[in-house]
Amino acid sequence: MAAQPKSSARNRSSLHVKKGDRVKVISGKDKGAVGEIIAVDRERERVTVQGVNVVKRHRREQPTPTGTTQGGIIASEAPIHVSNVQLLVEVDGEEVVTRVGFKREEVTKRRPDGSEYKAFRSVRIARKTGEEI
């Protein structure tokens, strides 16, 4: 029987980082490394950061109908927990780490019939600068 992932309120909410964000690793073997997020797994609360947590796998050549796939030692990034990364924002030409906050903004939306109405949307803000991310 396979282990079921934990079901918590955290799994249904958004994470503080998104794909494409530039982050700094704040703990673990790659502490201090900076990279871009290339994948996000919300269910397991893990992110894959470019150039961080690189693992090597030994792979045998596999015959396929169109030929063979390359074998050998293949290096790729493995996911790390989202709590081990912190968002980087640019302040006065240099990158600094910041916490992420959320702010509700009022926006005007348009219905298919052309009428407009007011609604709210959530935006991420950098706590250090107060600017929208």
N, C-alpha and C. Protein backbone atom coordinates (compact mmCIF):
# COMPACT_ATOMS: atom_id res chain seq x y z
N MET A 1 0.84 -1.17 0.00
CA MET A 1 0.00 0.00 0.00
C MET A 1 0.89 1.24 0.00
N ALA A 2 0.67 2.14 -0.92
CA ALA A 2 1.48 3.35 -1.02
C ALA A 2 1.05 4.37 0.02
N ALA A 3 2.03 5.13 0.49
CA ALA A 3 1.74 6.16 1.49
C ALA A 3 1.00 7.32 0.83
N GLN A 4 -0.04 7.77 1.49
CA GLN A 4 -0.83 8.88 0.98
C GLN A 4 -0.20 10.19 1.45
N PRO A 5 -0.15 11.22 0.59
CA PRO A 5 0.38 12.51 1.04
C PRO A 5 -0.55 13.11 2.09
N LYS A 6 0.07 13.85 3.01
CA LYS A 6 -0.72 14.49 4.06
C LYS A 6 -1.68 15.49 3.46
N SER A 7 -2.89 15.53 3.97
CA SER A 7 -3.87 16.51 3.52
C SER A 7 -3.96 17.61 4.56
N SER A 8 -3.58 18.80 4.18
CA SER A 8 -3.65 19.92 5.12
C SER A 8 -4.17 21.15 4.40
N ALA A 9 -4.49 22.16 5.16
CA ALA A 9 -4.95 23.41 4.57
C ALA A 9 -3.84 24.04 3.74
N ARG A 10 -2.59 23.80 4.10
CA ARG A 10 -1.45 24.36 3.37
C ARG A 10 -1.42 23.85 1.92
N ASN A 11 -1.81 22.61 1.70
CA ASN A 11 -1.77 22.04 0.36
C ASN A 11 -2.74 22.73 -0.60
N ARG A 12 -3.82 23.27 -0.07
CA ARG A 12 -4.82 23.87 -0.95
C ARG A 12 -4.54 25.35 -1.21
N SER A 13 -3.63 25.94 -0.43
CA SER A 13 -3.33 27.36 -0.62
C SER A 13 -2.12 27.51 -1.53
N SER A 14 -1.82 28.75 -1.90
CA SER A 14 -0.70 28.99 -2.78
C SER A 14 0.59 29.07 -1.97
N LEU A 15 1.70 28.84 -2.63
CA LEU A 15 3.00 28.94 -2.00
C LEU A 15 3.52 30.36 -2.15
N HIS A 16 4.58 30.69 -1.44
CA HIS A 16 5.11 32.04 -1.50
C HIS A 16 5.99 32.27 -2.73
N VAL A 17 6.32 31.22 -3.47
CA VAL A 17 7.13 31.36 -4.68
C VAL A 17 6.42 30.70 -5.86
N LYS A 18 6.78 31.14 -7.06
CA LYS A 18 6.18 30.60 -8.28
C LYS A 18 7.27 30.22 -9.26
N LYS A 19 6.90 29.48 -10.29
CA LYS A 19 7.83 29.13 -11.35
C LYS A 19 8.34 30.42 -12.00
N GLY A 20 9.65 30.48 -12.20
CA GLY A 20 10.25 31.66 -12.81
C GLY A 20 10.81 32.65 -11.81
N ASP A 21 10.45 32.52 -10.52
CA ASP A 21 10.98 33.41 -9.49
C ASP A 21 12.47 33.13 -9.27
N ARG A 22 13.22 34.17 -8.93
CA ARG A 22 14.62 34.03 -8.59
C ARG A 22 14.70 33.92 -7.06
N VAL A 23 15.34 32.83 -6.57
CA VAL A 23 15.37 32.56 -5.14
C VAL A 23 16.79 32.26 -4.67
N LYS A 24 16.96 32.36 -3.35
CA LYS A 24 18.22 32.01 -2.70
C LYS A 24 17.94 30.86 -1.75
N VAL A 25 18.82 29.85 -1.75
CA VAL A 25 18.67 28.72 -0.84
C VAL A 25 19.19 29.14 0.53
N ILE A 26 18.37 29.00 1.56
CA ILE A 26 18.75 29.48 2.89
C ILE A 26 19.14 28.36 3.85
N SER A 27 19.00 27.09 3.43
CA SER A 27 19.46 26.00 4.29
C SER A 27 19.70 24.77 3.44
N GLY A 28 20.52 23.86 3.98
CA GLY A 28 20.84 22.64 3.27
C GLY A 28 22.23 22.67 2.68
N LYS A 29 22.57 21.65 1.91
CA LYS A 29 23.94 21.53 1.38
C LYS A 29 24.27 22.61 0.36
N ASP A 30 23.25 23.20 -0.28
CA ASP A 30 23.48 24.25 -1.27
C ASP A 30 23.16 25.63 -0.72
N LYS A 31 23.30 25.81 0.59
CA LYS A 31 22.99 27.09 1.24
C LYS A 31 23.76 28.22 0.57
N GLY A 32 23.05 29.31 0.24
CA GLY A 32 23.67 30.46 -0.39
C GLY A 32 23.57 30.47 -1.90
N ALA A 33 23.19 29.34 -2.49
CA ALA A 33 23.08 29.26 -3.95
C ALA A 33 21.86 30.05 -4.43
N VAL A 34 22.01 30.68 -5.60
CA VAL A 34 20.93 31.47 -6.19
C VAL A 34 20.55 30.84 -7.51
N GLY A 35 19.25 30.75 -7.78
CA GLY A 35 18.80 30.17 -9.03
C GLY A 35 17.35 30.50 -9.29
N GLU A 36 16.88 30.07 -10.47
CA GLU A 36 15.50 30.30 -10.88
C GLU A 36 14.70 29.03 -10.67
N ILE A 37 13.46 29.19 -10.22
CA ILE A 37 12.59 28.03 -10.01
C ILE A 37 12.13 27.51 -11.36
N ILE A 38 12.36 26.21 -11.60
CA ILE A 38 11.97 25.63 -12.89
C ILE A 38 10.76 24.71 -12.77
N ALA A 39 10.40 24.32 -11.53
CA ALA A 39 9.21 23.48 -11.33
C ALA A 39 8.71 23.64 -9.90
N VAL A 40 7.38 23.55 -9.73
CA VAL A 40 6.75 23.67 -8.42
C VAL A 40 5.80 22.49 -8.23
N ASP A 41 5.92 21.83 -7.08
CA ASP A 41 4.99 20.75 -6.72
C ASP A 41 4.24 21.20 -5.47
N ARG A 42 3.03 21.74 -5.66
CA ARG A 42 2.25 22.29 -4.54
C ARG A 42 1.82 21.22 -3.56
N GLU A 43 1.49 20.04 -4.04
CA GLU A 43 1.02 18.98 -3.14
C GLU A 43 2.09 18.56 -2.15
N ARG A 44 3.32 18.41 -2.63
CA ARG A 44 4.42 17.98 -1.76
C ARG A 44 5.21 19.16 -1.19
N GLU A 45 4.81 20.40 -1.53
CA GLU A 45 5.45 21.62 -1.07
C GLU A 45 6.94 21.62 -1.40
N ARG A 46 7.26 21.31 -2.65
CA ARG A 46 8.65 21.24 -3.10
C ARG A 46 8.83 22.06 -4.36
N VAL A 47 10.03 22.60 -4.52
CA VAL A 47 10.38 23.37 -5.72
C VAL A 47 11.70 22.83 -6.26
N THR A 48 11.86 22.93 -7.59
CA THR A 48 13.10 22.55 -8.24
C THR A 48 13.77 23.84 -8.70
N VAL A 49 14.99 24.06 -8.23
CA VAL A 49 15.73 25.28 -8.52
C VAL A 49 16.88 24.94 -9.45
N GLN A 50 17.05 25.75 -10.50
CA GLN A 50 18.08 25.52 -11.50
C GLN A 50 19.47 25.58 -10.86
N GLY A 51 20.25 24.50 -11.04
CA GLY A 51 21.61 24.45 -10.53
C GLY A 51 21.75 24.11 -9.06
N VAL A 52 20.65 23.79 -8.40
CA VAL A 52 20.67 23.50 -6.96
C VAL A 52 20.23 22.05 -6.73
N ASN A 53 20.85 21.38 -5.77
CA ASN A 53 20.54 19.99 -5.42
C ASN A 53 20.68 19.08 -6.63
N VAL A 54 21.82 19.16 -7.29
CA VAL A 54 22.08 18.36 -8.49
C VAL A 54 22.43 16.94 -8.06
N VAL A 55 21.71 15.96 -8.59
CA VAL A 55 21.96 14.55 -8.32
C VAL A 55 22.36 13.86 -9.62
N LYS A 56 23.18 12.81 -9.48
CA LYS A 56 23.63 12.07 -10.66
C LYS A 56 22.98 10.69 -10.64
N ARG A 57 22.46 10.29 -11.78
CA ARG A 57 21.82 8.98 -11.91
C ARG A 57 22.54 8.21 -13.01
N HIS A 58 22.77 6.94 -12.76
CA HIS A 58 23.40 6.08 -13.76
C HIS A 58 22.30 5.41 -14.56
N ARG A 59 22.31 5.62 -15.86
CA ARG A 59 21.24 5.13 -16.71
C ARG A 59 21.81 4.25 -17.81
N ARG A 60 21.17 3.12 -18.03
CA ARG A 60 21.56 2.19 -19.07
C ARG A 60 20.92 2.62 -20.39
N GLU A 61 21.57 2.32 -21.51
CA GLU A 61 20.95 2.60 -22.81
C GLU A 61 19.70 1.75 -22.95
N GLN A 62 18.62 2.38 -23.42
CA GLN A 62 17.34 1.68 -23.56
C GLN A 62 16.96 1.61 -25.03
N PRO A 63 16.73 0.42 -25.55
CA PRO A 63 16.27 0.35 -26.94
C PRO A 63 14.82 0.81 -27.06
N THR A 64 14.55 1.62 -28.07
CA THR A 64 13.19 2.10 -28.34
C THR A 64 12.90 1.83 -29.80
N PRO A 65 11.63 1.92 -30.21
CA PRO A 65 11.29 1.67 -31.62
C PRO A 65 12.00 2.64 -32.58
N THR A 66 12.32 3.83 -32.12
CA THR A 66 12.95 4.82 -33.01
C THR A 66 14.47 4.83 -32.90
N GLY A 67 15.04 3.98 -32.05
CA GLY A 67 16.49 3.94 -31.87
C GLY A 67 16.79 3.63 -30.42
N THR A 68 17.90 4.15 -29.91
CA THR A 68 18.24 3.92 -28.51
C THR A 68 18.39 5.26 -27.80
N THR A 69 18.05 5.26 -26.52
CA THR A 69 18.24 6.47 -25.74
C THR A 69 19.64 6.46 -25.16
N GLN A 70 20.19 7.64 -24.95
CA GLN A 70 21.56 7.78 -24.47
C GLN A 70 21.67 7.26 -23.04
N GLY A 71 22.70 6.50 -22.76
CA GLY A 71 22.97 6.03 -21.42
C GLY A 71 24.11 6.81 -20.81
N GLY A 72 24.50 6.43 -19.60
CA GLY A 72 25.63 7.07 -18.94
C GLY A 72 25.20 7.71 -17.63
N ILE A 73 26.03 8.64 -17.15
CA ILE A 73 25.74 9.33 -15.90
C ILE A 73 25.04 10.64 -16.24
N ILE A 74 23.80 10.78 -15.78
CA ILE A 74 22.97 11.94 -16.11
C ILE A 74 22.77 12.77 -14.84
N ALA A 75 23.14 14.05 -14.91
CA ALA A 75 22.97 14.95 -13.77
C ALA A 75 21.70 15.78 -13.97
N SER A 76 20.90 15.90 -12.92
CA SER A 76 19.69 16.72 -12.98
C SER A 76 19.38 17.26 -11.59
N GLU A 77 18.52 18.28 -11.56
CA GLU A 77 18.15 18.89 -10.29
C GLU A 77 17.05 18.09 -9.61
N ALA A 78 17.16 17.94 -8.31
CA ALA A 78 16.13 17.27 -7.53
C ALA A 78 15.38 18.35 -6.74
N PRO A 79 14.11 18.11 -6.42
CA PRO A 79 13.34 19.13 -5.69
C PRO A 79 13.81 19.30 -4.25
N ILE A 80 13.63 20.52 -3.72
CA ILE A 80 13.91 20.81 -2.32
C ILE A 80 12.65 21.41 -1.70
N HIS A 81 12.58 21.39 -0.38
CA HIS A 81 11.38 21.89 0.29
C HIS A 81 11.29 23.41 0.14
N VAL A 82 10.07 23.89 -0.03
CA VAL A 82 9.83 25.31 -0.29
C VAL A 82 10.28 26.20 0.87
N SER A 83 10.35 25.66 2.09
CA SER A 83 10.78 26.46 3.24
C SER A 83 12.28 26.74 3.21
N ASN A 84 13.01 26.04 2.36
CA ASN A 84 14.46 26.23 2.27
C ASN A 84 14.87 27.28 1.25
N VAL A 85 13.91 27.96 0.64
CA VAL A 85 14.24 29.02 -0.33
C VAL A 85 13.56 30.31 0.09
N GLN A 86 14.20 31.43 -0.30
CA GLN A 86 13.64 32.74 -0.01
C GLN A 86 13.72 33.57 -1.27
N LEU A 87 12.68 34.34 -1.53
CA LEU A 87 12.57 35.13 -2.75
C LEU A 87 13.60 36.25 -2.78
N LEU A 88 14.14 36.51 -3.99
CA LEU A 88 15.06 37.62 -4.19
C LEU A 88 14.34 38.72 -4.96
N VAL A 89 14.50 39.96 -4.54
CA VAL A 89 13.98 41.11 -5.28
C VAL A 89 15.11 42.09 -5.49
N GLU A 90 15.00 42.91 -6.53
CA GLU A 90 16.04 43.87 -6.84
C GLU A 90 15.72 45.20 -6.16
N VAL A 91 16.67 45.69 -5.36
CA VAL A 91 16.54 46.97 -4.68
C VAL A 91 17.82 47.77 -4.95
N ASP A 92 17.68 48.92 -5.60
CA ASP A 92 18.81 49.79 -5.92
C ASP A 92 19.91 49.04 -6.66
N GLY A 93 19.54 48.20 -7.62
CA GLY A 93 20.51 47.51 -8.46
C GLY A 93 21.12 46.25 -7.87
N GLU A 94 20.78 45.89 -6.66
CA GLU A 94 21.30 44.65 -6.09
C GLU A 94 20.14 43.78 -5.60
N GLU A 95 20.39 42.46 -5.59
CA GLU A 95 19.34 41.53 -5.18
C GLU A 95 19.41 41.31 -3.68
N VAL A 96 18.26 41.39 -3.03
CA VAL A 96 18.17 41.14 -1.59
C VAL A 96 17.02 40.17 -1.34
N VAL A 97 17.16 39.38 -0.25
CA VAL A 97 16.10 38.44 0.09
C VAL A 97 14.98 39.18 0.80
N THR A 98 13.76 38.69 0.61
CA THR A 98 12.61 39.30 1.25
C THR A 98 11.56 38.25 1.55
N ARG A 99 10.72 38.55 2.52
CA ARG A 99 9.56 37.71 2.78
C ARG A 99 8.47 38.12 1.80
N VAL A 100 7.48 37.26 1.65
CA VAL A 100 6.40 37.52 0.71
C VAL A 100 5.12 37.74 1.47
N GLY A 101 4.40 38.79 1.09
CA GLY A 101 3.10 39.06 1.68
C GLY A 101 2.04 39.06 0.58
N PHE A 102 0.80 39.07 0.98
CA PHE A 102 -0.29 39.09 0.02
C PHE A 102 -1.19 40.28 0.33
N LYS A 103 -1.67 40.93 -0.72
CA LYS A 103 -2.53 42.10 -0.57
C LYS A 103 -3.73 41.93 -1.50
N ARG A 104 -4.90 42.35 -1.04
CA ARG A 104 -6.10 42.26 -1.87
C ARG A 104 -6.28 43.59 -2.58
N GLU A 105 -6.43 43.55 -3.92
CA GLU A 105 -6.64 44.75 -4.73
C GLU A 105 -8.02 44.72 -5.35
N GLU A 106 -8.64 45.87 -5.41
CA GLU A 106 -9.94 45.96 -6.06
C GLU A 106 -9.71 46.20 -7.55
N VAL A 107 -10.36 45.40 -8.38
CA VAL A 107 -10.23 45.52 -9.83
C VAL A 107 -11.62 45.57 -10.45
N THR A 108 -11.68 46.08 -11.67
CA THR A 108 -12.93 46.11 -12.41
C THR A 108 -12.91 45.00 -13.45
N LYS A 109 -13.91 44.14 -13.41
CA LYS A 109 -14.00 43.03 -14.36
C LYS A 109 -15.18 43.26 -15.29
N ARG A 110 -15.13 42.62 -16.45
CA ARG A 110 -16.18 42.78 -17.45
C ARG A 110 -16.85 41.43 -17.71
N ARG A 111 -18.16 41.44 -17.69
CA ARG A 111 -18.94 40.23 -17.99
C ARG A 111 -19.05 40.06 -19.50
N PRO A 112 -19.40 38.86 -19.97
CA PRO A 112 -19.55 38.64 -21.41
C PRO A 112 -20.59 39.56 -22.07
N ASP A 113 -21.60 40.00 -21.28
CA ASP A 113 -22.62 40.88 -21.86
C ASP A 113 -22.17 42.34 -21.92
N GLY A 114 -20.95 42.63 -21.42
CA GLY A 114 -20.42 43.99 -21.50
C GLY A 114 -20.53 44.79 -20.22
N SER A 115 -21.32 44.31 -19.25
CA SER A 115 -21.45 45.06 -18.00
C SER A 115 -20.18 44.86 -17.15
N GLU A 116 -19.92 45.84 -16.32
CA GLU A 116 -18.73 45.78 -15.47
C GLU A 116 -19.12 45.63 -14.01
N TYR A 117 -18.19 45.04 -13.22
CA TYR A 117 -18.42 44.90 -11.79
C TYR A 117 -17.09 44.94 -11.06
N LYS A 118 -17.15 45.25 -9.77
CA LYS A 118 -15.94 45.33 -8.94
C LYS A 118 -15.68 43.96 -8.31
N ALA A 119 -14.40 43.60 -8.23
CA ALA A 119 -14.00 42.34 -7.61
C ALA A 119 -12.63 42.54 -6.98
N PHE A 120 -12.19 41.55 -6.21
CA PHE A 120 -10.89 41.62 -5.58
C PHE A 120 -9.99 40.53 -6.12
N ARG A 121 -8.69 40.84 -6.22
CA ARG A 121 -7.72 39.82 -6.58
C ARG A 121 -6.56 39.92 -5.61
N SER A 122 -5.90 38.81 -5.38
CA SER A 122 -4.79 38.76 -4.45
C SER A 122 -3.49 38.93 -5.22
N VAL A 123 -2.62 39.82 -4.76
CA VAL A 123 -1.31 40.02 -5.40
C VAL A 123 -0.22 39.81 -4.36
N ARG A 124 0.93 39.33 -4.82
CA ARG A 124 2.08 39.14 -3.93
C ARG A 124 2.84 40.46 -3.80
N ILE A 125 3.29 40.75 -2.61
CA ILE A 125 4.10 41.94 -2.40
C ILE A 125 5.37 41.54 -1.65
N ALA A 126 6.45 42.29 -1.91
CA ALA A 126 7.70 42.09 -1.18
C ALA A 126 7.59 42.84 0.13
N ARG A 127 7.77 42.16 1.25
CA ARG A 127 7.64 42.81 2.55
C ARG A 127 8.72 43.87 2.76
N LYS A 128 9.89 43.67 2.17
CA LYS A 128 10.99 44.61 2.38
C LYS A 128 10.73 45.94 1.70
N THR A 129 10.14 45.91 0.49
CA THR A 129 9.93 47.14 -0.27
C THR A 129 8.47 47.56 -0.34
N GLY A 130 7.54 46.63 -0.15
CA GLY A 130 6.12 46.93 -0.25
C GLY A 130 5.62 46.95 -1.69
N GLU A 131 6.51 46.65 -2.66
CA GLU A 131 6.13 46.67 -4.07
C GLU A 131 5.54 45.33 -4.50
N GLU A 132 4.71 45.39 -5.54
CA GLU A 132 4.11 44.19 -6.10
C GLU A 132 5.18 43.37 -6.82
N ILE A 133 5.10 42.07 -6.67
CA ILE A 133 6.08 41.17 -7.29
C ILE A 133 5.56 40.74 -8.66
